[in-house]
Amino acid sequence: MFYFAARHAAGDERARFIERAEYFFTYSTTTLAGMPTRRFARPVIVLLSSGWLHAWFRAHEGHLPSPPTLEAPDFGRPRAFVPQKPRAIRRAAYIIAAGTGLSVAAALYWLLVVAA
């Protein structure tokens, strides 16, 4: 969590988050290394699922994005909500109309070209 917070902080606050992340990572791994249960599934799964973040952050520490600005984003004008059922019915009608049109075109083609 501290690494994610460091990505969105600046200056001393970023350095503090990085320091806390390194502290907890080091403490966790050294404590786990001394435990007899270190080879059980749970500790291994936790390290495999979140331990990679430490290595990634160390490799990309100099390339962190600058913290976001505090400007309010422009989300545009709100649109009217259309429930899913009317949209599905409208799309089904389009599909049926297209299928009917293709069927009529195929029947006309068969009558005028193939049967002649």
PDB file of N, CA and C in Angstrom:
ATOM      1  N   MET A   1       0.823  -1.182   0.000  1.00  0.00           N
ATOM      2  CA  MET A   1       0.000   0.000   0.000  1.00  0.00           C
ATOM      3  C   MET A   1       0.875   1.256   0.000  1.00  0.00           C
ATOM      4  N   PHE A   2       1.979   1.185   0.711  1.00  0.00           N
ATOM      5  CA  PHE A   2       2.860   2.357   0.776  1.00  0.00           C
ATOM      6  C   PHE A   2       3.482   2.671  -0.578  1.00  0.00           C
ATOM      7  N   TYR A   3       3.789   1.630  -1.368  1.00  0.00           N
ATOM      8  CA  TYR A   3       4.339   1.877  -2.701  1.00  0.00           C
ATOM      9  C   TYR A   3       3.316   2.564  -3.591  1.00  0.00           C
ATOM     10  N   PHE A   4       2.074   2.144  -3.516  1.00  0.00           N
ATOM     11  CA  PHE A   4       1.030   2.798  -4.306  1.00  0.00           C
ATOM     12  C   PHE A   4       0.849   4.249  -3.856  1.00  0.00           C
ATOM     13  N   ALA A   5       0.917   4.483  -2.553  1.00  0.00           N
ATOM     14  CA  ALA A   5       0.789   5.847  -2.048  1.00  0.00           C
ATOM     15  C   ALA A   5       1.968   6.698  -2.513  1.00  0.00           C
ATOM     16  N   ALA A   6       3.161   6.118  -2.576  1.00  0.00           N
ATOM     17  CA  ALA A   6       4.341   6.871  -3.011  1.00  0.00           C
ATOM     18  C   ALA A   6       4.229   7.300  -4.468  1.00  0.00           C
ATOM     19  N   ARG A   7       3.538   6.513  -5.274  1.00  0.00           N
ATOM     20  CA  ARG A   7       3.366   6.881  -6.680  1.00  0.00           C
ATOM     21  C   ARG A   7       2.535   8.147  -6.840  1.00  0.00           C
ATOM     22  N   HIS A   8       1.724   8.462  -5.839  1.00  0.00           N
ATOM     23  CA  HIS A   8       0.826   9.616  -5.953  1.00  0.00           C
ATOM     24  C   HIS A   8       1.178  10.728  -4.971  1.00  0.00           C
ATOM     25  N   ALA A   9       2.362  10.688  -4.422  1.00  0.00           N
ATOM     26  CA  ALA A   9       2.792  11.720  -3.477  1.00  0.00           C
ATOM     27  C   ALA A   9       4.021  12.429  -4.061  1.00  0.00           C
ATOM     28  N   ALA A  10       4.429  13.483  -3.389  1.00  0.00           N
ATOM     29  CA  ALA A  10       5.591  14.237  -3.863  1.00  0.00           C
ATOM     30  C   ALA A  10       6.481  14.597  -2.688  1.00  0.00           C
ATOM     31  N   GLY A  11       7.749  14.827  -2.996  1.00  0.00           N
ATOM     32  CA  GLY A  11       8.698  15.345  -2.018  1.00  0.00           C
ATOM     33  C   GLY A  11       8.909  14.480  -0.800  1.00  0.00           C
ATOM     34  N   ASP A  12       8.836  15.125   0.377  1.00  0.00           N
ATOM     35  CA  ASP A  12       9.090  14.423   1.633  1.00  0.00           C
ATOM     36  C   ASP A  12       8.050  13.342   1.905  1.00  0.00           C
ATOM     37  N   GLU A  13       6.839  13.598   1.492  1.00  0.00           N
ATOM     38  CA  GLU A  13       5.788  12.602   1.708  1.00  0.00           C
ATOM     39  C   GLU A  13       6.072  11.331   0.901  1.00  0.00           C
ATOM     40  N   ARG A  14       6.553  11.482  -0.326  1.00  0.00           N
ATOM     41  CA  ARG A  14       6.914  10.326  -1.144  1.00  0.00           C
ATOM     42  C   ARG A  14       8.065   9.560  -0.504  1.00  0.00           C
ATOM     43  N   ALA A  15       9.065  10.285  -0.045  1.00  0.00           N
ATOM     44  CA  ALA A  15      10.209   9.633   0.603  1.00  0.00           C
ATOM     45  C   ALA A  15       9.777   8.876   1.856  1.00  0.00           C
ATOM     46  N   ARG A  16       8.856   9.431   2.611  1.00  0.00           N
ATOM     47  CA  ARG A  16       8.356   8.765   3.828  1.00  0.00           C
ATOM     48  C   ARG A  16       7.596   7.486   3.475  1.00  0.00           C
ATOM     49  N   PHE A  17       6.774   7.545   2.440  1.00  0.00           N
ATOM     50  CA  PHE A  17       6.050   6.341   2.014  1.00  0.00           C
ATOM     51  C   PHE A  17       7.013   5.253   1.551  1.00  0.00           C
ATOM     52  N   ILE A  18       8.045   5.651   0.814  1.00  0.00           N
ATOM     53  CA  ILE A  18       9.035   4.676   0.343  1.00  0.00           C
ATOM     54  C   ILE A  18       9.774   4.064   1.524  1.00  0.00           C
ATOM     55  N   GLU A  19      10.141   4.894   2.481  1.00  0.00           N
ATOM     56  CA  GLU A  19      10.847   4.384   3.668  1.00  0.00           C
ATOM     57  C   GLU A  19       9.983   3.394   4.434  1.00  0.00           C
ATOM     58  N   ARG A  20       8.717   3.696   4.611  1.00  0.00           N
ATOM     59  CA  ARG A  20       7.803   2.800   5.329  1.00  0.00           C
ATOM     60  C   ARG A  20       7.592   1.498   4.562  1.00  0.00           C
ATOM     61  N   ALA A  21       7.497   1.591   3.251  1.00  0.00           N
ATOM     62  CA  ALA A  21       7.324   0.389   2.441  1.00  0.00           C
ATOM     63  C   ALA A  21       8.542  -0.513   2.556  1.00  0.00           C
ATOM     64  N   GLU A  22       9.725   0.080   2.478  1.00  0.00           N
ATOM     65  CA  GLU A  22      10.953  -0.713   2.599  1.00  0.00           C
ATOM     66  C   GLU A  22      11.060  -1.333   3.990  1.00  0.00           C
ATOM     67  N   TYR A  23      10.697  -0.573   5.014  1.00  0.00           N
ATOM     68  CA  TYR A  23      10.758  -1.097   6.375  1.00  0.00           C
ATOM     69  C   TYR A  23       9.860  -2.315   6.525  1.00  0.00           C
ATOM     70  N   PHE A  24       8.610  -2.198   6.113  1.00  0.00           N
ATOM     71  CA  PHE A  24       7.684  -3.317   6.284  1.00  0.00           C
ATOM     72  C   PHE A  24       8.055  -4.516   5.415  1.00  0.00           C
ATOM     73  N   PHE A  25       8.583  -4.263   4.210  1.00  0.00           N
ATOM     74  CA  PHE A  25       9.018  -5.374   3.370  1.00  0.00           C
ATOM     75  C   PHE A  25      10.187  -6.108   4.015  1.00  0.00           C
ATOM     76  N   THR A  26      11.179  -5.359   4.473  1.00  0.00           N
ATOM     77  CA  THR A  26      12.351  -5.971   5.106  1.00  0.00           C
ATOM     78  C   THR A  26      11.965  -6.700   6.385  1.00  0.00           C
ATOM     79  N   TYR A  27      11.154  -6.075   7.215  1.00  0.00           N
ATOM     80  CA  TYR A  27      10.719  -6.706   8.460  1.00  0.00           C
ATOM     81  C   TYR A  27       9.950  -7.997   8.176  1.00  0.00           C
ATOM     82  N   SER A  28       9.053  -7.950   7.213  1.00  0.00           N
ATOM     83  CA  SER A  28       8.240  -9.127   6.902  1.00  0.00           C
ATOM     84  C   SER A  28       9.081 -10.276   6.372  1.00  0.00           C
ATOM     85  N   THR A  29       9.982  -9.981   5.458  1.00  0.00           N
ATOM     86  CA  THR A  29      10.776 -11.056   4.872  1.00  0.00           C
ATOM     87  C   THR A  29      11.789 -11.636   5.856  1.00  0.00           C
ATOM     88  N   THR A  30      12.412 -10.791   6.681  1.00  0.00           N
ATOM     89  CA  THR A  30      13.367 -11.339   7.655  1.00  0.00           C
ATOM     90  C   THR A  30      12.654 -12.115   8.752  1.00  0.00           C
ATOM     91  N   THR A  31      11.501 -11.657   9.182  1.00  0.00           N
ATOM     92  CA  THR A  31      10.737 -12.394  10.192  1.00  0.00           C
ATOM     93  C   THR A  31      10.261 -13.722   9.627  1.00  0.00           C
ATOM     94  N   LEU A  32       9.764 -13.699   8.394  1.00  0.00           N
ATOM     95  CA  LEU A  32       9.294 -14.932   7.764  1.00  0.00           C
ATOM     96  C   LEU A  32      10.439 -15.922   7.564  1.00  0.00           C
ATOM     97  N   ALA A  33      11.622 -15.432   7.227  1.00  0.00           N
ATOM     98  CA  ALA A  33      12.764 -16.324   6.998  1.00  0.00           C
ATOM     99  C   ALA A  33      13.135 -17.095   8.258  1.00  0.00           C
ATOM    100  N   GLY A  34      12.867 -16.529   9.423  1.00  0.00           N
ATOM    101  CA  GLY A  34      13.213 -17.200  10.669  1.00  0.00           C
ATOM    102  C   GLY A  34      12.127 -18.127  11.198  1.00  0.00           C
ATOM    103  N   MET A  35      10.989 -18.185  10.544  1.00  0.00           N
ATOM    104  CA  MET A  35       9.883 -19.008  11.037  1.00  0.00           C
ATOM    105  C   MET A  35       9.917 -20.404  10.421  1.00  0.00           C
ATOM    106  N   PRO A  36       9.504 -21.405  11.189  1.00  0.00           N
ATOM    107  CA  PRO A  36       9.487 -22.771  10.639  1.00  0.00           C
ATOM    108  C   PRO A  36       8.362 -22.969   9.614  1.00  0.00           C
ATOM    109  N   THR A  37       7.393 -22.088   9.593  1.00  0.00           N
ATOM    110  CA  THR A  37       6.267 -22.235   8.666  1.00  0.00           C
ATOM    111  C   THR A  37       6.479 -21.461   7.361  1.00  0.00           C
ATOM    112  N   ARG A  38       7.694 -21.035   7.101  1.00  0.00           N
ATOM    113  CA  ARG A  38       7.952 -20.201   5.932  1.00  0.00           C
ATOM    114  C   ARG A  38       7.700 -20.919   4.614  1.00  0.00           C
ATOM    115  N   ARG A  39       7.664 -22.244   4.621  1.00  0.00           N
ATOM    116  CA  ARG A  39       7.467 -23.004   3.385  1.00  0.00           C
ATOM    117  C   ARG A  39       6.016 -23.416   3.169  1.00  0.00           C
ATOM    118  N   PHE A  40       5.128 -22.983   4.024  1.00  0.00           N
ATOM    119  CA  PHE A  40       3.708 -23.315   3.871  1.00  0.00           C
ATOM    120  C   PHE A  40       3.124 -22.500   2.706  1.00  0.00           C
ATOM    121  N   ALA A  41       1.962 -22.902   2.294  1.00  0.00           N
ATOM    122  CA  ALA A  41       1.352 -22.289   1.111  1.00  0.00           C
ATOM    123  C   ALA A  41       1.026 -20.810   1.319  1.00  0.00           C
ATOM    124  N   ARG A  42       0.446 -20.459   2.449  1.00  0.00           N
ATOM    125  CA  ARG A  42       0.007 -19.074   2.635  1.00  0.00           C
ATOM    126  C   ARG A  42       1.144 -18.063   2.547  1.00  0.00           C
ATOM    127  N   PRO A  43       2.253 -18.234   3.269  1.00  0.00           N
ATOM    128  CA  PRO A  43       3.329 -17.240   3.134  1.00  0.00           C
ATOM    129  C   PRO A  43       3.914 -17.188   1.732  1.00  0.00           C
ATOM    130  N   VAL A  44       4.011 -18.338   1.095  1.00  0.00           N
ATOM    131  CA  VAL A  44       4.561 -18.359  -0.263  1.00  0.00           C
ATOM    132  C   VAL A  44       3.616 -17.644  -1.218  1.00  0.00           C
ATOM    133  N   ILE A  45       2.317 -17.873  -1.086  1.00  0.00           N
ATOM    134  CA  ILE A  45       1.342 -17.216  -1.955  1.00  0.00           C
ATOM    135  C   ILE A  45       1.340 -15.711  -1.726  1.00  0.00           C
ATOM    136  N   VAL A  46       1.419 -15.276  -0.486  1.00  0.00           N
ATOM    137  CA  VAL A  46       1.441 -13.833  -0.209  1.00  0.00           C
ATOM    138  C   VAL A  46       2.673 -13.193  -0.833  1.00  0.00           C
ATOM    139  N   LEU A  47       3.819 -13.832  -0.718  1.00  0.00           N
ATOM    140  CA  LEU A  47       5.033 -13.270  -1.323  1.00  0.00           C
ATOM    141  C   LEU A  47       4.966 -13.296  -2.839  1.00  0.00           C
ATOM    142  N   LEU A  48       4.409 -14.347  -3.421  1.00  0.00           N
ATOM    143  CA  LEU A  48       4.314 -14.423  -4.872  1.00  0.00           C
ATOM    144  C   LEU A  48       3.317 -13.410  -5.437  1.00  0.00           C
ATOM    145  N   SER A  49       2.286 -13.106  -4.659  1.00  0.00           N
ATOM    146  CA  SER A  49       1.275 -12.186  -5.174  1.00  0.00           C
ATOM    147  C   SER A  49       1.613 -10.720  -4.914  1.00  0.00           C
ATOM    148  N   SER A  50       2.356 -10.411  -3.877  1.00  0.00           N
ATOM    149  CA  SER A  50       2.639  -9.002  -3.590  1.00  0.00           C
ATOM    150  C   SER A  50       4.129  -8.699  -3.442  1.00  0.00           C
ATOM    151  N   GLY A  51       4.974  -9.675  -3.393  1.00  0.00           N
ATOM    152  CA  GLY A  51       6.404  -9.429  -3.230  1.00  0.00           C
ATOM    153  C   GLY A  51       7.064  -8.841  -4.463  1.00  0.00           C
ATOM    154  N   TRP A  52       6.481  -9.105  -5.635  1.00  0.00           N
ATOM    155  CA  TRP A  52       7.045  -8.575  -6.875  1.00  0.00           C
ATOM    156  C   TRP A  52       7.000  -7.051  -6.917  1.00  0.00           C
ATOM    157  N   LEU A  53       6.061  -6.461  -6.188  1.00  0.00           N
ATOM    158  CA  LEU A  53       5.917  -5.006  -6.204  1.00  0.00           C
ATOM    159  C   LEU A  53       7.180  -4.318  -5.694  1.00  0.00           C
ATOM    160  N   HIS A  54       7.811  -4.903  -4.690  1.00  0.00           N
ATOM    161  CA  HIS A  54       9.048  -4.330  -4.142  1.00  0.00           C
ATOM    162  C   HIS A  54      10.126  -4.282  -5.223  1.00  0.00           C
ATOM    163  N   ALA A  55      10.315  -5.394  -5.935  1.00  0.00           N
ATOM    164  CA  ALA A  55      11.342  -5.433  -6.980  1.00  0.00           C
ATOM    165  C   ALA A  55      11.010  -4.475  -8.124  1.00  0.00           C
ATOM    166  N   TRP A  56       9.735  -4.411  -8.503  1.00  0.00           N
ATOM    167  CA  TRP A  56       9.349  -3.505  -9.590  1.00  0.00           C
ATOM    168  C   TRP A  56       9.606  -2.060  -9.187  1.00  0.00           C
ATOM    169  N   PHE A  57       9.241  -1.721  -7.967  1.00  0.00           N
ATOM    170  CA  PHE A  57       9.400  -0.342  -7.521  1.00  0.00           C
ATOM    171  C   PHE A  57      10.877   0.038  -7.455  1.00  0.00           C
ATOM    172  N   ARG A  58      11.696  -0.878  -7.008  1.00  0.00           N
ATOM    173  CA  ARG A  58      13.131  -0.586  -6.932  1.00  0.00           C
ATOM    174  C   ARG A  58      13.712  -0.367  -8.334  1.00  0.00           C
ATOM    175  N   ALA A  59      13.230  -1.129  -9.304  1.00  0.00           N
ATOM    176  CA  ALA A  59      13.734  -0.997 -10.670  1.00  0.00           C
ATOM    177  C   ALA A  59      13.238   0.281 -11.347  1.00  0.00           C
ATOM    178  N   HIS A  60      12.074   0.787 -10.949  1.00  0.00           N
ATOM    179  CA  HIS A  60      11.480   1.944 -11.606  1.00  0.00           C
ATOM    180  C   HIS A  60      11.391   3.170 -10.691  1.00  0.00           C
ATOM    181  N   GLU A  61      12.141   3.190  -9.639  1.00  0.00           N
ATOM    182  CA  GLU A  61      12.035   4.265  -8.652  1.00  0.00           C
ATOM    183  C   GLU A  61      12.332   5.642  -9.250  1.00  0.00           C
ATOM    184  N   GLY A  62      13.268   5.714 -10.167  1.00  0.00           N
ATOM    185  CA  GLY A  62      13.614   6.997 -10.774  1.00  0.00           C
ATOM    186  C   GLY A  62      12.628   7.446 -11.832  1.00  0.00           C
ATOM    187  N   HIS A  63      11.715   6.579 -12.228  1.00  0.00           N
ATOM    188  CA  HIS A  63      10.785   6.892 -13.311  1.00  0.00           C
ATOM    189  C   HIS A  63       9.342   6.985 -12.828  1.00  0.00           C
ATOM    190  N   LEU A  64       9.158   7.363 -11.580  1.00  0.00           N
ATOM    191  CA  LEU A  64       7.804   7.492 -11.052  1.00  0.00           C
ATOM    192  C   LEU A  64       7.122   8.703 -11.661  1.00  0.00           C
ATOM    193  N   PRO A  65       5.839   8.594 -11.933  1.00  0.00           N
ATOM    194  CA  PRO A  65       5.135   9.756 -12.490  1.00  0.00           C
ATOM    195  C   PRO A  65       5.024  10.867 -11.459  1.00  0.00           C
ATOM    196  N   SER A  66       4.895  12.060 -11.963  1.00  0.00           N
ATOM    197  CA  SER A  66       4.702  13.171 -11.032  1.00  0.00           C
ATOM    198  C   SER A  66       3.316  13.069 -10.414  1.00  0.00           C
ATOM    199  N   PRO A  67       3.146  13.562  -9.215  1.00  0.00           N
ATOM    200  CA  PRO A  67       1.841  13.463  -8.575  1.00  0.00           C
ATOM    201  C   PRO A  67       0.781  14.210  -9.368  1.00  0.00           C
ATOM    202  N   PRO A  68      -0.439  13.751  -9.295  1.00  0.00           N
ATOM    203  CA  PRO A  68      -1.493  14.405 -10.076  1.00  0.00           C
ATOM    204  C   PRO A  68      -1.791  15.805  -9.563  1.00  0.00           C
ATOM    205  N   THR A  69      -2.282  16.622 -10.448  1.00  0.00           N
ATOM    206  CA  THR A  69      -2.686  17.970 -10.055  1.00  0.00           C
ATOM    207  C   THR A  69      -4.038  17.894  -9.359  1.00  0.00           C
ATOM    208  N   LEU A  70      -4.355  18.922  -8.626  1.00  0.00           N
ATOM    209  CA  LEU A  70      -5.595  18.922  -7.871  1.00  0.00           C
ATOM    210  C   LEU A  70      -6.720  19.640  -8.604  1.00  0.00           C
ATOM    211  N   GLU A  71      -6.622  19.738  -9.917  1.00  0.00           N
ATOM    212  CA  GLU A  71      -7.675  20.358 -10.704  1.00  0.00           C
ATOM    213  C   GLU A  71      -8.858  19.400 -10.815  1.00  0.00           C
ATOM    214  N   ALA A  72     -10.034  19.957 -10.815  1.00  0.00           N
ATOM    215  CA  ALA A  72     -11.233  19.133 -10.981  1.00  0.00           C
ATOM    216  C   ALA A  72     -11.353  18.738 -12.446  1.00  0.00           C
ATOM    217  N   PRO A  73     -11.461  17.444 -12.738  1.00  0.00           N
ATOM    218  CA  PRO A  73     -11.562  17.016 -14.130  1.00  0.00           C
ATOM    219  C   PRO A  73     -12.922  17.374 -14.722  1.00  0.00           C
ATOM    220  N   ASP A  74     -12.942  17.558 -16.025  1.00  0.00           N
ATOM    221  CA  ASP A  74     -14.189  17.849 -16.723  1.00  0.00           C
ATOM    222  C   ASP A  74     -14.752  16.541 -17.261  1.00  0.00           C
ATOM    223  N   PHE A  75     -15.853  16.091 -16.707  1.00  0.00           N
ATOM    224  CA  PHE A  75     -16.469  14.839 -17.121  1.00  0.00           C
ATOM    225  C   PHE A  75     -17.535  15.042 -18.187  1.00  0.00           C
ATOM    226  N   GLY A  76     -17.726  16.257 -18.649  1.00  0.00           N
ATOM    227  CA  GLY A  76     -18.729  16.520 -19.665  1.00  0.00           C
ATOM    228  C   GLY A  76     -20.122  16.610 -19.058  1.00  0.00           C
ATOM    229  N   ARG A  77     -21.110  16.681 -19.944  1.00  0.00           N
ATOM    230  CA  ARG A  77     -22.489  16.764 -19.484  1.00  0.00           C
ATOM    231  C   ARG A  77     -23.035  15.370 -19.227  1.00  0.00           C
ATOM    232  N   PRO A  78     -23.862  15.226 -18.223  1.00  0.00           N
ATOM    233  CA  PRO A  78     -24.435  13.904 -17.960  1.00  0.00           C
ATOM    234  C   PRO A  78     -25.407  13.505 -19.068  1.00  0.00           C
ATOM    235  N   ARG A  79     -25.456  12.208 -19.347  1.00  0.00           N
ATOM    236  CA  ARG A  79     -26.378  11.686 -20.349  1.00  0.00           C
ATOM    237  C   ARG A  79     -27.551  11.018 -19.653  1.00  0.00           C
ATOM    238  N   ALA A  80     -28.646  10.945 -20.341  1.00  0.00           N
ATOM    239  CA  ALA A  80     -29.837  10.307 -19.785  1.00  0.00           C
ATOM    240  C   ALA A  80     -29.603   8.803 -19.682  1.00  0.00           C
ATOM    241  N   PHE A  81     -30.063   8.225 -18.600  1.00  0.00           N
ATOM    242  CA  PHE A  81     -29.900   6.798 -18.387  1.00  0.00           C
ATOM    243  C   PHE A  81     -30.921   6.036 -19.228  1.00  0.00           C
ATOM    244  N   VAL A  82     -30.442   5.040 -19.953  1.00  0.00           N
ATOM    245  CA  VAL A  82     -31.325   4.155 -20.719  1.00  0.00           C
ATOM    246  C   VAL A  82     -31.120   2.752 -20.160  1.00  0.00           C
ATOM    247  N   PRO A  83     -32.182   2.135 -19.628  1.00  0.00           N
ATOM    248  CA  PRO A  83     -32.034   0.795 -19.070  1.00  0.00           C
ATOM    249  C   PRO A  83     -31.591  -0.215 -20.131  1.00  0.00           C
ATOM    250  N   GLN A  84     -31.073  -1.327 -19.669  1.00  0.00           N
ATOM    251  CA  GLN A  84     -30.507  -2.325 -20.568  1.00  0.00           C
ATOM    252  C   GLN A  84     -31.578  -3.013 -21.414  1.00  0.00           C
ATOM    253  N   LYS A  85     -32.756  -3.250 -20.857  1.00  0.00           N
ATOM    254  CA  LYS A  85     -33.794  -3.991 -21.577  1.00  0.00           C
ATOM    255  C   LYS A  85     -34.246  -3.260 -22.844  1.00  0.00           C
ATOM    256  N   PRO A  86     -34.570  -1.955 -22.791  1.00  0.00           N
ATOM    257  CA  PRO A  86     -34.941  -1.274 -24.046  1.00  0.00           C
ATOM    258  C   PRO A  86     -33.814  -1.259 -25.074  1.00  0.00           C
ATOM    259  N   ARG A  87     -32.582  -1.137 -24.620  1.00  0.00           N
ATOM    260  CA  ARG A  87     -31.455  -1.185 -25.564  1.00  0.00           C
ATOM    261  C   ARG A  87     -31.370  -2.546 -26.224  1.00  0.00           C
ATOM    262  N   ALA A  88     -31.554  -3.618 -25.442  1.00  0.00           N
ATOM    263  CA  ALA A  88     -31.494  -4.973 -25.995  1.00  0.00           C
ATOM    264  C   ALA A  88     -32.632  -5.202 -26.982  1.00  0.00           C
ATOM    265  N   ILE A  89     -33.833  -4.708 -26.666  1.00  0.00           N
ATOM    266  CA  ILE A  89     -34.971  -4.869 -27.577  1.00  0.00           C
ATOM    267  C   ILE A  89     -34.712  -4.122 -28.885  1.00  0.00           C
ATOM    268  N   ARG A  90     -34.179  -2.912 -28.790  1.00  0.00           N
ATOM    269  CA  ARG A  90     -33.887  -2.125 -29.994  1.00  0.00           C
ATOM    270  C   ARG A  90     -32.825  -2.831 -30.853  1.00  0.00           C
ATOM    271  N   ARG A  91     -31.794  -3.355 -30.228  1.00  0.00           N
ATOM    272  CA  ARG A  91     -30.756  -4.062 -30.987  1.00  0.00           C
ATOM    273  C   ARG A  91     -31.291  -5.335 -31.616  1.00  0.00           C
ATOM    274  N   ALA A  92     -32.150  -6.041 -30.886  1.00  0.00           N
ATOM    275  CA  ALA A  92     -32.755  -7.256 -31.450  1.00  0.00           C
ATOM    276  C   ALA A  92     -33.609  -6.898 -32.659  1.00  0.00           C
ATOM    277  N   ALA A  93     -34.338  -5.778 -32.590  1.00  0.00           N
ATOM    278  CA  ALA A  93     -35.146  -5.349 -33.737  1.00  0.00           C
ATOM    279  C   ALA A  93     -34.254  -5.037 -34.937  1.00  0.00           C
ATOM    280  N   TYR A  94     -33.115  -4.402 -34.708  1.00  0.00           N
ATOM    281  CA  TYR A  94     -32.183  -4.134 -35.802  1.00  0.00           C
ATOM    282  C   TYR A  94     -31.674  -5.436 -36.424  1.00  0.00           C
ATOM    283  N   ILE A  95     -31.358  -6.397 -35.589  1.00  0.00           N
ATOM    284  CA  ILE A  95     -30.857  -7.684 -36.091  1.00  0.00           C
ATOM    285  C   ILE A  95     -31.938  -8.391 -36.895  1.00  0.00           C
ATOM    286  N   ILE A  96     -33.168  -8.374 -36.397  1.00  0.00           N
ATOM    287  CA  ILE A  96     -34.276  -9.021 -37.118  1.00  0.00           C
ATOM    288  C   ILE A  96     -34.520  -8.317 -38.446  1.00  0.00           C
ATOM    289  N   ALA A  97     -34.485  -6.985 -38.445  1.00  0.00           N
ATOM    290  CA  ALA A  97     -34.689  -6.236 -39.689  1.00  0.00           C
ATOM    291  C   ALA A  97     -33.578  -6.544 -40.691  1.00  0.00           C
ATOM    292  N   ALA A  98     -32.361  -6.603 -40.228  1.00  0.00           N
ATOM    293  CA  ALA A  98     -31.245  -6.920 -41.125  1.00  0.00           C
ATOM    294  C   ALA A  98     -31.370  -8.342 -41.661  1.00  0.00           C
ATOM    295  N   GLY A  99     -31.744  -9.278 -40.792  1.00  0.00           N
ATOM    296  CA  GLY A  99     -31.930 -10.664 -41.236  1.00  0.00           C
ATOM    297  C   GLY A  99     -33.053 -10.784 -42.237  1.00  0.00           C
ATOM    298  N   THR A 100     -34.157 -10.058 -42.013  1.00  0.00           N
ATOM    299  CA  THR A 100     -35.279 -10.072 -42.951  1.00  0.00           C
ATOM    300  C   THR A 100     -34.855  -9.481 -44.286  1.00  0.00           C
ATOM    301  N   GLY A 101     -34.135  -8.383 -44.233  1.00  0.00           N
ATOM    302  CA  GLY A 101     -33.660  -7.767 -45.476  1.00  0.00           C
ATOM    303  C   GLY A 101     -32.743  -8.701 -46.249  1.00  0.00           C
ATOM    304  N   LEU A 102     -31.859  -9.392 -45.563  1.00  0.00           N
ATOM    305  CA  LEU A 102     -30.972 -10.334 -46.238  1.00  0.00           C
ATOM    306  C   LEU A 102     -31.749 -11.511 -46.806  1.00  0.00           C
ATOM    307  N   SER A 103     -32.752 -11.971 -46.077  1.00  0.00           N
ATOM    308  CA  SER A 103     -33.571 -13.085 -46.566  1.00  0.00           C
ATOM    309  C   SER A 103     -34.323 -12.691 -47.825  1.00  0.00           C
ATOM    310  N   VAL A 104     -34.908 -11.498 -47.840  1.00  0.00           N
ATOM    311  CA  VAL A 104     -35.627 -11.018 -49.022  1.00  0.00           C
ATOM    312  C   VAL A 104     -34.653 -10.863 -50.185  1.00  0.00           C
ATOM    313  N   ALA A 105     -33.487 -10.305 -49.921  1.00  0.00           N
ATOM    314  CA  ALA A 105     -32.493 -10.138 -50.982  1.00  0.00           C
ATOM    315  C   ALA A 105     -32.050 -11.485 -51.521  1.00  0.00           C
ATOM    316  N   ALA A 106     -31.864 -12.469 -50.661  1.00  0.00           N
ATOM    317  CA  ALA A 106     -31.454 -13.794 -51.115  1.00  0.00           C
ATOM    318  C   ALA A 106     -32.563 -14.455 -51.923  1.00  0.00           C
ATOM    319  N   ALA A 107     -33.818 -14.275 -51.499  1.00  0.00           N
ATOM    320  CA  ALA A 107     -34.937 -14.862 -52.242  1.00  0.00           C
ATOM    321  C   ALA A 107     -35.069 -14.216 -53.614  1.00  0.00           C
ATOM    322  N   LEU A 108     -34.937 -12.891 -53.688  1.00  0.00           N
ATOM    323  CA  LEU A 108     -34.999 -12.210 -54.974  1.00  0.00           C
ATOM    324  C   LEU A 108     -33.852 -12.629 -55.880  1.00  0.00           C
ATOM    325  N   TYR A 109     -32.673 -12.754 -55.313  1.00  0.00           N
ATOM    326  CA  TYR A 109     -31.520 -13.214 -56.085  1.00  0.00           C
ATOM    327  C   TYR A 109     -31.782 -14.605 -56.647  1.00  0.00           C
ATOM    328  N   TRP A 110     -32.312 -15.474 -55.822  1.00  0.00           N
ATOM    329  CA  TRP A 110     -32.580 -16.831 -56.280  1.00  0.00           C
ATOM    330  C   TRP A 110     -33.638 -16.841 -57.372  1.00  0.00           C
ATOM    331  N   LEU A 111     -34.695 -16.027 -57.205  1.00  0.00           N
ATOM    332  CA  LEU A 111     -35.760 -15.982 -58.222  1.00  0.00           C
ATOM    333  C   LEU A 111     -35.283 -15.373 -59.531  1.00  0.00           C
ATOM    334  N   LEU A 112     -34.514 -14.314 -59.442  1.00  0.00           N
ATOM    335  CA  LEU A 112     -34.125 -13.597 -60.669  1.00  0.00           C
ATOM    336  C   LEU A 112     -32.882 -14.157 -61.353  1.00  0.00           C
ATOM    337  N   VAL A 113     -31.936 -14.695 -60.581  1.00  0.00           N
ATOM    338  CA  VAL A 113     -30.680 -15.125 -61.170  1.00  0.00           C
ATOM    339  C   VAL A 113     -30.600 -16.650 -61.307  1.00  0.00           C
ATOM    340  N   VAL A 114     -30.862 -17.339 -60.241  1.00  0.00           N
ATOM    341  CA  VAL A 114     -30.646 -18.787 -60.240  1.00  0.00           C
ATOM    342  C   VAL A 114     -31.777 -19.502 -60.955  1.00  0.00           C
ATOM    343  N   ALA A 115     -33.021 -19.136 -60.703  1.00  0.00           N
ATOM    344  CA  ALA A 115     -34.155 -19.843 -61.282  1.00  0.00           C
ATOM    345  C   ALA A 115     -34.378 -19.464 -62.745  1.00  0.00           C
ATOM    346  N   ALA A 116     -33.834 -18.393 -63.192  1.00  0.00           N
ATOM    347  CA  ALA A 116     -34.076 -17.951 -64.572  1.00  0.00           C
ATOM    348  C   ALA A 116     -33.288 -18.706 -65.580  1.00  0.00           C
TER     349      ALA A 116
END
